[in-house]
PDB file of N, CA and C in Angstrom:
ATOM      1  N   MET A   1       0.719  -1.137  -0.196  1.00  0.00           N
ATOM      2  CA  MET A   1      -0.260  -0.533   0.131  1.00  0.00           C
ATOM      3  C   MET A   1       0.741   1.587  -0.263  1.00  0.00           C
ATOM      4  N   SER A   2       0.551   1.880  -0.923  1.00  0.00           N
ATOM      5  CA  SER A   2       1.210   3.472  -1.111  1.00  0.00           C
ATOM      6  C   SER A   2       0.812   4.615   0.043  1.00  0.00           C
ATOM      7  N   LYS A   3       2.075   5.565   0.429  1.00  0.00           N
ATOM      8  CA  LYS A   3       1.429   6.443   1.473  1.00  0.00           C
ATOM      9  C   LYS A   3       1.144   8.081   0.719  1.00  0.00           C
ATOM     10  N   LEU A   4      -0.353   8.020   1.776  1.00  0.00           N
ATOM     11  CA  LEU A   4      -0.896   9.039   1.461  1.00  0.00           C
ATOM     12  C   LEU A   4      -0.242  10.141   1.086  1.00  0.00           C
ATOM     13  N   THR A   5      -0.372  10.627   0.281  1.00  0.00           N
ATOM     14  CA  THR A   5      -0.065  12.110   0.422  1.00  0.00           C
ATOM     15  C   THR A   5      -0.527  13.293   0.944  1.00  0.00           C
ATOM     16  N   VAL A   6      -0.496  14.660   0.862  1.00  0.00           N
ATOM     17  CA  VAL A   6      -0.595  15.929   1.128  1.00  0.00           C
ATOM     18  C   VAL A   6      -1.808  16.549  -0.370  1.00  0.00           C
ATOM     19  N   LYS A   7      -1.353  15.805  -1.291  1.00  0.00           N
ATOM     20  CA  LYS A   7      -2.236  16.180  -2.234  1.00  0.00           C
ATOM     21  C   LYS A   7      -3.585  15.655  -2.691  1.00  0.00           C
ATOM     22  N   GLN A   8      -3.534  14.522  -2.002  1.00  0.00           N
ATOM     23  CA  GLN A   8      -4.281  13.145  -2.313  1.00  0.00           C
ATOM     24  C   GLN A   8      -5.403  12.989  -1.105  1.00  0.00           C
ATOM     25  N   ALA A   9      -4.713  13.484  -0.147  1.00  0.00           N
ATOM     26  CA  ALA A   9      -5.367  14.360   1.398  1.00  0.00           C
ATOM     27  C   ALA A   9      -6.121  15.568   1.716  1.00  0.00           C
ATOM     28  N   ALA A  10      -5.804  16.377   0.892  1.00  0.00           N
ATOM     29  CA  ALA A  10      -6.072  17.541   0.406  1.00  0.00           C
ATOM     30  C   ALA A  10      -7.848  17.292  -0.558  1.00  0.00           C
ATOM     31  N   TYR A  11      -7.454  16.591  -1.313  1.00  0.00           N
ATOM     32  CA  TYR A  11      -8.773  16.346  -2.392  1.00  0.00           C
ATOM     33  C   TYR A  11      -9.806  15.029  -2.152  1.00  0.00           C
ATOM     34  N   TRP A  12      -9.519  14.771  -0.972  1.00  0.00           N
ATOM     35  CA  TRP A  12     -10.251  13.543  -0.306  1.00  0.00           C
ATOM     36  C   TRP A  12     -10.424  14.452   0.975  1.00  0.00           C
ATOM     37  N   ILE A  13      -9.888  15.537   1.748  1.00  0.00           N
ATOM     38  CA  ILE A  13     -10.441  15.933   2.432  1.00  0.00           C
ATOM     39  C   ILE A  13     -12.421  17.011   1.920  1.00  0.00           C
ATOM     40  N   SER A  14     -11.779  17.749   0.540  1.00  0.00           N
ATOM     41  CA  SER A  14     -11.839  18.576  -0.070  1.00  0.00           C
ATOM     42  C   SER A  14     -13.620  17.999  -0.420  1.00  0.00           C
ATOM     43  N   GLU A  15     -13.703  16.468  -1.028  1.00  0.00           N
ATOM     44  CA  GLU A  15     -14.610  16.040  -1.363  1.00  0.00           C
ATOM     45  C   GLU A  15     -15.553  15.474   0.411  1.00  0.00           C
ATOM     46  N   ALA A  16     -14.683  14.953   1.267  1.00  0.00           N
ATOM     47  CA  ALA A  16     -15.552  14.901   2.505  1.00  0.00           C
ATOM     48  C   ALA A  16     -16.270  16.086   3.352  1.00  0.00           C
ATOM     49  N   TRP A  17     -15.480  17.085   2.708  1.00  0.00           N
ATOM     50  CA  TRP A  17     -16.477  18.265   3.098  1.00  0.00           C
ATOM     51  C   TRP A  17     -17.374  18.759   2.421  1.00  0.00           C
ATOM     52  N   GLY A  18     -17.526  18.791   1.258  1.00  0.00           N
ATOM     53  CA  GLY A  18     -17.762  19.621   0.376  1.00  0.00           C
ATOM     54  C   GLY A  18     -17.561  21.583  -0.145  1.00  0.00           C
ATOM     55  N   ARG A  19     -16.298  21.407   0.060  1.00  0.00           N
ATOM     56  CA  ARG A  19     -15.784  22.815  -0.210  1.00  0.00           C
ATOM     57  C   ARG A  19     -14.044  22.770  -0.861  1.00  0.00           C
ATOM     58  N   PRO A  20     -13.370  23.166  -1.309  1.00  0.00           N
ATOM     59  CA  PRO A  20     -12.192  23.083  -1.276  1.00  0.00           C
ATOM     60  C   PRO A  20     -10.968  23.325  -0.455  1.00  0.00           C
ATOM     61  N   ILE A  21     -10.349  22.889   0.001  1.00  0.00           N
ATOM     62  CA  ILE A  21      -9.179  23.146   0.491  1.00  0.00           C
ATOM     63  C   ILE A  21      -7.766  22.200  -0.235  1.00  0.00           C
ATOM     64  N   GLY A  22      -7.075  23.233  -0.129  1.00  0.00           N
ATOM     65  CA  GLY A  22      -5.877  22.895  -1.327  1.00  0.00           C
ATOM     66  C   GLY A  22      -4.893  21.819  -0.027  1.00  0.00           C
ATOM     67  N   PRO A  23      -3.763  21.290  -1.123  1.00  0.00           N
ATOM     68  CA  PRO A  23      -2.597  20.962  -0.314  1.00  0.00           C
ATOM     69  C   PRO A  23      -1.907  21.877   0.804  1.00  0.00           C
ATOM     70  N   GLY A  24      -1.698  22.887   0.868  1.00  0.00           N
ATOM     71  CA  GLY A  24      -0.809  24.089   1.439  1.00  0.00           C
ATOM     72  C   GLY A  24      -1.825  24.505   2.364  1.00  0.00           C
ATOM     73  N   ARG A  25      -3.192  23.968   2.709  1.00  0.00           N
ATOM     74  CA  ARG A  25      -3.556  24.175   3.598  1.00  0.00           C
ATOM     75  C   ARG A  25      -3.461  22.470   4.765  1.00  0.00           C
ATOM     76  N   CYS A  26      -2.813  21.445   4.378  1.00  0.00           N
ATOM     77  CA  CYS A  26      -2.798  20.351   4.482  1.00  0.00           C
ATOM     78  C   CYS A  26      -1.544  19.824   5.658  1.00  0.00           C
ATOM     79  N   ARG A  27      -1.165  19.588   6.342  1.00  0.00           N
ATOM     80  CA  ARG A  27       0.115  18.789   6.562  1.00  0.00           C
ATOM     81  C   ARG A  27       0.177  17.353   7.168  1.00  0.00           C
ATOM     82  N   LEU A  28       0.662  15.816   6.796  1.00  0.00           N
ATOM     83  CA  LEU A  28       0.658  14.949   7.120  1.00  0.00           C
ATOM     84  C   LEU A  28       1.784  14.406   8.459  1.00  0.00           C
ATOM     85  N   ARG A  29       1.202  14.506   9.721  1.00  0.00           N
ATOM     86  CA  ARG A  29       2.221  13.961  10.633  1.00  0.00           C
ATOM     87  C   ARG A  29       1.540  12.596  11.274  1.00  0.00           C
ATOM     88  N   GLY A  30       3.198  12.074  11.505  1.00  0.00           N
ATOM     89  CA  GLY A  30       2.724  10.568  12.324  1.00  0.00           C
ATOM     90  C   GLY A  30       0.672  10.185  11.654  1.00  0.00           C
ATOM     91  N   ASN A  31       0.497   9.714  12.342  1.00  0.00           N
ATOM     92  CA  ASN A  31      -0.744   9.315  12.202  1.00  0.00           C
ATOM     93  C   ASN A  31      -1.930  10.013  11.944  1.00  0.00           C
ATOM     94  N   TRP A  32      -1.722  11.879  11.778  1.00  0.00           N
ATOM     95  CA  TRP A  32      -2.621  12.914  11.886  1.00  0.00           C
ATOM     96  C   TRP A  32      -2.705  13.310  10.110  1.00  0.00           C
ATOM     97  N   LEU A  33      -3.828  14.058  10.041  1.00  0.00           N
ATOM     98  CA  LEU A  33      -3.515  15.157   9.429  1.00  0.00           C
ATOM     99  C   LEU A  33      -3.836  16.381   9.771  1.00  0.00           C
ATOM    100  N   PHE A  34      -3.274  17.281   9.258  1.00  0.00           N
ATOM    101  CA  PHE A  34      -3.438  18.611  10.001  1.00  0.00           C
ATOM    102  C   PHE A  34      -4.342  19.534   9.689  1.00  0.00           C
ATOM    103  N   VAL A  35      -5.154  20.054   9.067  1.00  0.00           N
ATOM    104  CA  VAL A  35      -6.409  20.926   8.618  1.00  0.00           C
ATOM    105  C   VAL A  35      -6.407  22.580   8.545  1.00  0.00           C
ATOM    106  N   LYS A  36      -6.214  23.003   7.835  1.00  0.00           N
ATOM    107  CA  LYS A  36      -6.011  24.408   8.234  1.00  0.00           C
ATOM    108  C   LYS A  36      -7.044  24.769   7.387  1.00  0.00           C
ATOM    109  N   ASP A  37      -8.547  25.279   8.348  1.00  0.00           N
ATOM    110  CA  ASP A  37      -9.598  26.248   7.534  1.00  0.00           C
ATOM    111  C   ASP A  37      -9.735  26.914   7.453  1.00  0.00           C
ATOM    112  N   PRO A  38      -9.876  27.950   6.465  1.00  0.00           N
ATOM    113  CA  PRO A  38     -10.116  29.094   6.201  1.00  0.00           C
ATOM    114  C   PRO A  38     -11.534  29.717   6.945  1.00  0.00           C
ATOM    115  N   ASN A  39     -12.105  29.086   7.214  1.00  0.00           N
ATOM    116  CA  ASN A  39     -13.226  29.337   7.611  1.00  0.00           C
ATOM    117  C   ASN A  39     -13.251  29.137   9.760  1.00  0.00           C
ATOM    118  N   GLU A  40     -12.366  28.224  10.090  1.00  0.00           N
ATOM    119  CA  GLU A  40     -11.928  28.279  11.459  1.00  0.00           C
ATOM    120  C   GLU A  40     -10.300  28.788  11.855  1.00  0.00           C
ATOM    121  N   ASN A  41     -10.467  29.354  13.221  1.00  0.00           N
ATOM    122  CA  ASN A  41      -9.653  29.819  13.915  1.00  0.00           C
ATOM    123  C   ASN A  41      -8.752  28.721  13.685  1.00  0.00           C
ATOM    124  N   ASP A  42      -8.971  27.457  14.377  1.00  0.00           N
ATOM    125  CA  ASP A  42      -8.079  26.156  14.984  1.00  0.00           C
ATOM    126  C   ASP A  42      -7.870  25.394  14.303  1.00  0.00           C
ATOM    127  N   ILE A  43      -6.519  24.614  14.096  1.00  0.00           N
ATOM    128  CA  ILE A  43      -6.425  23.612  13.442  1.00  0.00           C
ATOM    129  C   ILE A  43      -7.443  22.239  13.009  1.00  0.00           C
ATOM    130  N   ASP A  44      -7.859  21.924  12.338  1.00  0.00           N
ATOM    131  CA  ASP A  44      -8.032  20.585  12.840  1.00  0.00           C
ATOM    132  C   ASP A  44      -7.708  19.591  12.800  1.00  0.00           C
ATOM    133  N   CYS A  45      -7.403  18.080  13.848  1.00  0.00           N
ATOM    134  CA  CYS A  45      -7.002  16.989  13.861  1.00  0.00           C
ATOM    135  C   CYS A  45      -7.477  15.754  13.254  1.00  0.00           C
ATOM    136  N   ILE A  46      -7.250  15.416  12.321  1.00  0.00           N
ATOM    137  CA  ILE A  46      -8.115  14.032  11.493  1.00  0.00           C
ATOM    138  C   ILE A  46      -7.220  12.665  11.578  1.00  0.00           C
ATOM    139  N   HIS A  47      -7.421  11.896  12.221  1.00  0.00           N
ATOM    140  CA  HIS A  47      -7.312  10.449  12.299  1.00  0.00           C
ATOM    141  C   HIS A  47      -6.796  10.062  11.127  1.00  0.00           C
ATOM    142  N   ASN A  48      -5.766   9.310  10.450  1.00  0.00           N
ATOM    143  CA  ASN A  48      -5.453   9.078   9.419  1.00  0.00           C
ATOM    144  C   ASN A  48      -4.517   8.250   9.931  1.00  0.00           C
ATOM    145  N   PRO A  49      -5.147   6.886  10.194  1.00  0.00           N
ATOM    146  CA  PRO A  49      -4.083   5.819  10.815  1.00  0.00           C
ATOM    147  C   PRO A  49      -3.307   4.899   9.735  1.00  0.00           C
ATOM    148  N   LYS A  50      -2.456   4.000  10.406  1.00  0.00           N
ATOM    149  CA  LYS A  50      -0.829   3.663   9.127  1.00  0.00           C
ATOM    150  C   LYS A  50      -1.948   2.908   7.644  1.00  0.00           C
ATOM    151  N   GLY A  51      -2.547   2.736   7.772  1.00  0.00           N
ATOM    152  CA  GLY A  51      -3.663   1.794   6.493  1.00  0.00           C
ATOM    153  C   GLY A  51      -4.001   3.001   5.540  1.00  0.00           C
ATOM    154  N   GLY A  52      -3.509   4.190   5.485  1.00  0.00           N
ATOM    155  CA  GLY A  52      -3.763   5.319   4.532  1.00  0.00           C
ATOM    156  C   GLY A  52      -5.293   5.748   4.602  1.00  0.00           C
ATOM    157  N   ASP A  53      -6.720   5.270   5.295  1.00  0.00           N
ATOM    158  CA  ASP A  53      -7.186   5.976   5.574  1.00  0.00           C
ATOM    159  C   ASP A  53      -7.432   6.357   6.725  1.00  0.00           C
ATOM    160  N   ILE A  54      -8.853   7.776   5.845  1.00  0.00           N
ATOM    161  CA  ILE A  54      -8.472   9.052   6.887  1.00  0.00           C
ATOM    162  C   ILE A  54      -9.936   9.173   7.364  1.00  0.00           C
ATOM    163  N   TRP A  55     -10.513   9.796   8.056  1.00  0.00           N
ATOM    164  CA  TRP A  55     -11.628   9.906   9.138  1.00  0.00           C
ATOM    165  C   TRP A  55     -12.151  11.643   8.381  1.00  0.00           C
ATOM    166  N   GLY A  56     -13.306  10.678   8.022  1.00  0.00           N
ATOM    167  CA  GLY A  56     -14.395  13.009   7.091  1.00  0.00           C
ATOM    168  C   GLY A  56     -14.426  13.765   8.568  1.00  0.00           C
ATOM    169  N   GLU A  57     -14.159  13.357   9.800  1.00  0.00           N
ATOM    170  CA  GLU A  57     -14.376  14.139  10.770  1.00  0.00           C
ATOM    171  C   GLU A  57     -13.073  14.640  11.412  1.00  0.00           C
ATOM    172  N   PRO A  58     -12.696  15.263  11.813  1.00  0.00           N
ATOM    173  CA  PRO A  58     -11.518  15.780  12.905  1.00  0.00           C
ATOM    174  C   PRO A  58     -12.347  14.806  14.319  1.00  0.00           C
ATOM    175  N   TRP A  59     -10.879  14.457  14.953  1.00  0.00           N
ATOM    176  CA  TRP A  59     -11.542  13.940  15.962  1.00  0.00           C
ATOM    177  C   TRP A  59     -11.289  15.337  17.132  1.00  0.00           C
ATOM    178  N   THR A  60     -10.289  16.243  17.341  1.00  0.00           N
ATOM    179  CA  THR A  60     -10.409  17.032  17.916  1.00  0.00           C
ATOM    180  C   THR A  60      -9.774  18.586  17.177  1.00  0.00           C
ATOM    181  N   ASN A  61      -9.692  19.359  18.018  1.00  0.00           N
ATOM    182  CA  ASN A  61      -8.613  20.843  16.985  1.00  0.00           C
ATOM    183  C   ASN A  61      -7.914  21.581  17.534  1.00  0.00           C
ATOM    184  N   ILE A  62      -6.768  21.689  17.688  1.00  0.00           N
ATOM    185  CA  ILE A  62      -5.765  22.138  18.420  1.00  0.00           C
ATOM    186  C   ILE A  62      -5.389  24.235  17.838  1.00  0.00           C
ATOM    187  N   PRO A  63      -4.675  24.731  18.548  1.00  0.00           N
ATOM    188  CA  PRO A  63      -4.115  26.083  18.521  1.00  0.00           C
ATOM    189  C   PRO A  63      -3.540  26.106  16.903  1.00  0.00           C
ATOM    190  N   GLU A  64      -2.852  26.719  16.381  1.00  0.00           N
ATOM    191  CA  GLU A  64      -2.132  26.723  15.190  1.00  0.00           C
ATOM    192  C   GLU A  64      -0.708  27.260  15.719  1.00  0.00           C
ATOM    193  N   LYS A  65      -0.779  27.452  16.625  1.00  0.00           N
ATOM    194  CA  LYS A  65       0.728  27.328  17.356  1.00  0.00           C
ATOM    195  C   LYS A  65       1.440  25.822  17.680  1.00  0.00           C
ATOM    196  N   LEU A  66       0.262  24.693  18.199  1.00  0.00           N
ATOM    197  CA  LEU A  66       0.311  23.804  18.407  1.00  0.00           C
ATOM    198  C   LEU A  66       0.256  22.947  16.839  1.00  0.00           C
ATOM    199  N   SER A  67       0.351  23.069  15.954  1.00  0.00           N
ATOM    200  CA  SER A  67       0.507  22.383  15.179  1.00  0.00           C
ATOM    201  C   SER A  67       1.898  22.069  14.460  1.00  0.00           C
ATOM    202  N   PRO A  68       2.023  22.095  13.090  1.00  0.00           N
ATOM    203  CA  PRO A  68       2.805  21.630  12.068  1.00  0.00           C
ATOM    204  C   PRO A  68       2.804  23.059  10.985  1.00  0.00           C
ATOM    205  N   PHE A  69       2.112  23.890  11.387  1.00  0.00           N
ATOM    206  CA  PHE A  69       1.853  25.239  10.110  1.00  0.00           C
ATOM    207  C   PHE A  69       2.549  26.458  11.110  1.00  0.00           C
ATOM    208  N   ASN A  70       3.133  25.677  12.816  1.00  0.00           N
ATOM    209  CA  ASN A  70       4.009  26.488  13.003  1.00  0.00           C
ATOM    210  C   ASN A  70       5.173  25.932  12.986  1.00  0.00           C
ATOM    211  N   PRO A  71       6.486  26.971  12.616  1.00  0.00           N
ATOM    212  CA  PRO A  71       7.649  26.327  12.271  1.00  0.00           C
ATOM    213  C   PRO A  71       8.385  25.598  13.795  1.00  0.00           C
ATOM    214  N   ASP A  72       7.625  26.038  14.618  1.00  0.00           N
ATOM    215  CA  ASP A  72       8.417  26.046  15.495  1.00  0.00           C
ATOM    216  C   ASP A  72       7.618  24.887  16.853  1.00  0.00           C
ATOM    217  N   TRP A  73       6.539  24.101  16.103  1.00  0.00           N
ATOM    218  CA  TRP A  73       5.839  23.263  17.276  1.00  0.00           C
ATOM    219  C   TRP A  73       6.197  22.266  17.454  1.00  0.00           C
ATOM    220  N   ASP A  74       5.607  21.641  18.941  1.00  0.00           N
ATOM    221  CA  ASP A  74       6.372  21.105  19.745  1.00  0.00           C
ATOM    222  C   ASP A  74       5.740  19.223  19.235  1.00  0.00           C
ATOM    223  N   LYS A  75       6.620  18.611  18.689  1.00  0.00           N
ATOM    224  CA  LYS A  75       5.815  17.083  18.009  1.00  0.00           C
ATOM    225  C   LYS A  75       5.302  16.068  19.038  1.00  0.00           C
ATOM    226  N   SER A  76       5.630  16.258  20.084  1.00  0.00           N
ATOM    227  CA  SER A  76       4.764  15.703  21.198  1.00  0.00           C
ATOM    228  C   SER A  76       3.307  15.684  21.643  1.00  0.00           C
ATOM    229  N   ILE A  77       2.733  16.664  20.633  1.00  0.00           N
ATOM    230  CA  ILE A  77       1.108  17.184  20.326  1.00  0.00           C
ATOM    231  C   ILE A  77       0.990  15.310  19.780  1.00  0.00           C
ATOM    232  N   LEU A  78       1.652  14.761  18.423  1.00  0.00           N
ATOM    233  CA  LEU A  78       1.678  13.911  18.110  1.00  0.00           C
ATOM    234  C   LEU A  78       0.991  12.650  19.375  1.00  0.00           C
ATOM    235  N   LYS A  79       2.307  12.518  20.249  1.00  0.00           N
ATOM    236  CA  LYS A  79       1.839  11.340  21.373  1.00  0.00           C
ATOM    237  C   LYS A  79       0.684  11.569  21.975  1.00  0.00           C
ATOM    238  N   THR A  80       0.106  12.868  22.656  1.00  0.00           N
ATOM    239  CA  THR A  80      -0.813  13.048  23.041  1.00  0.00           C
ATOM    240  C   THR A  80      -2.239  12.837  22.177  1.00  0.00           C
ATOM    241  N   LEU A  81      -1.947  13.056  20.908  1.00  0.00           N
ATOM    242  CA  LEU A  81      -3.972  12.672  20.036  1.00  0.00           C
ATOM    243  C   LEU A  81      -3.304  11.302  19.597  1.00  0.00           C
ATOM    244  N   ASP A  82      -2.549  10.732  19.674  1.00  0.00           N
ATOM    245  CA  ASP A  82      -2.232   8.973  19.881  1.00  0.00           C
ATOM    246  C   ASP A  82      -2.901   8.512  21.046  1.00  0.00           C
ATOM    247  N   ASP A  83      -2.391   8.855  21.862  1.00  0.00           N
ATOM    248  CA  ASP A  83      -2.834   8.367  23.311  1.00  0.00           C
ATOM    249  C   ASP A  83      -4.311   9.155  23.361  1.00  0.00           C
ATOM    250  N   GLU A  84      -4.616   9.588  23.371  1.00  0.00           N
ATOM    251  CA  GLU A  84      -6.575  10.139  23.572  1.00  0.00           C
ATOM    252  C   GLU A  84      -6.896   9.273  21.993  1.00  0.00           C
ATOM    253  N   ILE A  85      -6.666   9.334  20.927  1.00  0.00           N
ATOM    254  CA  ILE A  85      -7.494   8.042  20.184  1.00  0.00           C
ATOM    255  C   ILE A  85      -7.457   6.999  20.624  1.00  0.00           C
ATOM    256  N   SER A  86      -6.307   6.188  21.155  1.00  0.00           N
ATOM    257  CA  SER A  86      -5.929   4.724  21.511  1.00  0.00           C
ATOM    258  C   SER A  86      -7.360   4.551  22.339  1.00  0.00           C
ATOM    259  N   GLU A  87      -6.979   5.247  23.442  1.00  0.00           N
ATOM    260  CA  GLU A  87      -8.111   5.229  24.831  1.00  0.00           C
ATOM    261  C   GLU A  87      -9.472   4.934  24.718  1.00  0.00           C
ATOM    262  N   TYR A  88      -9.767   6.235  23.461  1.00  0.00           N
ATOM    263  CA  TYR A  88     -11.445   5.849  23.143  1.00  0.00           C
ATOM    264  C   TYR A  88     -11.316   4.676  22.601  1.00  0.00           C
ATOM    265  N   LEU A  89     -10.750   4.513  21.513  1.00  0.00           N
ATOM    266  CA  LEU A  89     -10.662   3.279  20.551  1.00  0.00           C
ATOM    267  C   LEU A  89     -10.702   2.263  21.203  1.00  0.00           C
ATOM    268  N   SER A  90     -10.345   1.567  22.929  1.00  0.00           N
ATOM    269  CA  SER A  90     -10.105   0.750  23.459  1.00  0.00           C
ATOM    270  C   SER A  90     -11.551   0.833  24.683  1.00  0.00           C
ATOM    271  N   ARG A  91     -11.996   1.797  25.061  1.00  0.00           N
ATOM    272  CA  ARG A  91     -13.138   1.757  25.701  1.00  0.00           C
ATOM    273  C   ARG A  91     -14.369   1.333  24.327  1.00  0.00           C
ATOM    274  N   TYR A  92     -14.207   1.902  23.119  1.00  0.00           N
ATOM    275  CA  TYR A  92     -15.583   1.947  22.412  1.00  0.00           C
ATOM    276  C   TYR A  92     -15.591   0.116  22.032  1.00  0.00           C
ATOM    277  N   GLU A  93     -14.405  -0.396  21.684  1.00  0.00           N
ATOM    278  CA  GLU A  93     -14.287  -1.721  21.450  1.00  0.00           C
ATOM    279  C   GLU A  93     -14.474  -2.667  22.516  1.00  0.00           C
ATOM    280  N   SER A  94     -14.252  -2.341  24.166  1.00  0.00           N
ATOM    281  CA  SER A  94     -14.339  -3.174  25.160  1.00  0.00           C
ATOM    282  C   SER A  94     -16.219  -2.932  25.029  1.00  0.00           C
ATOM    283  N   GLU A  95     -17.222  -2.391  25.198  1.00  0.00           N
ATOM    284  CA  GLU A  95     -18.103  -1.936  24.891  1.00  0.00           C
ATOM    285  C   GLU A  95     -18.650  -2.788  24.098  1.00  0.00           C
ATOM    286  N   ASP A  96     -18.749  -3.241  23.007  1.00  0.00           N
ATOM    287  CA  ASP A  96     -19.091  -4.425  22.427  1.00  0.00           C
ATOM    288  C   ASP A  96     -19.192  -5.994  22.992  1.00  0.00           C
TER     289      ASP A  96
END
């Protein structure tokens, strides 16, 4: 399976959201797609599992200063997001 590109992610999210989101407004880092929506103040964090499939709705949003759109961003946000989604998924799966 090939790795998801920023261009593919931008196209996919544009289709899912029904409005154009250019590749310059997307960053792929770790298991996450970060989207800088011109209509929002915060950055949307969308889970991008290793399989290459991305969720259509953001998991959460964060201030731009914590995102990869900031050249001095702290990459520890990736671990925080991974921990949050893992905890959620383990609770969700245990309810089945």
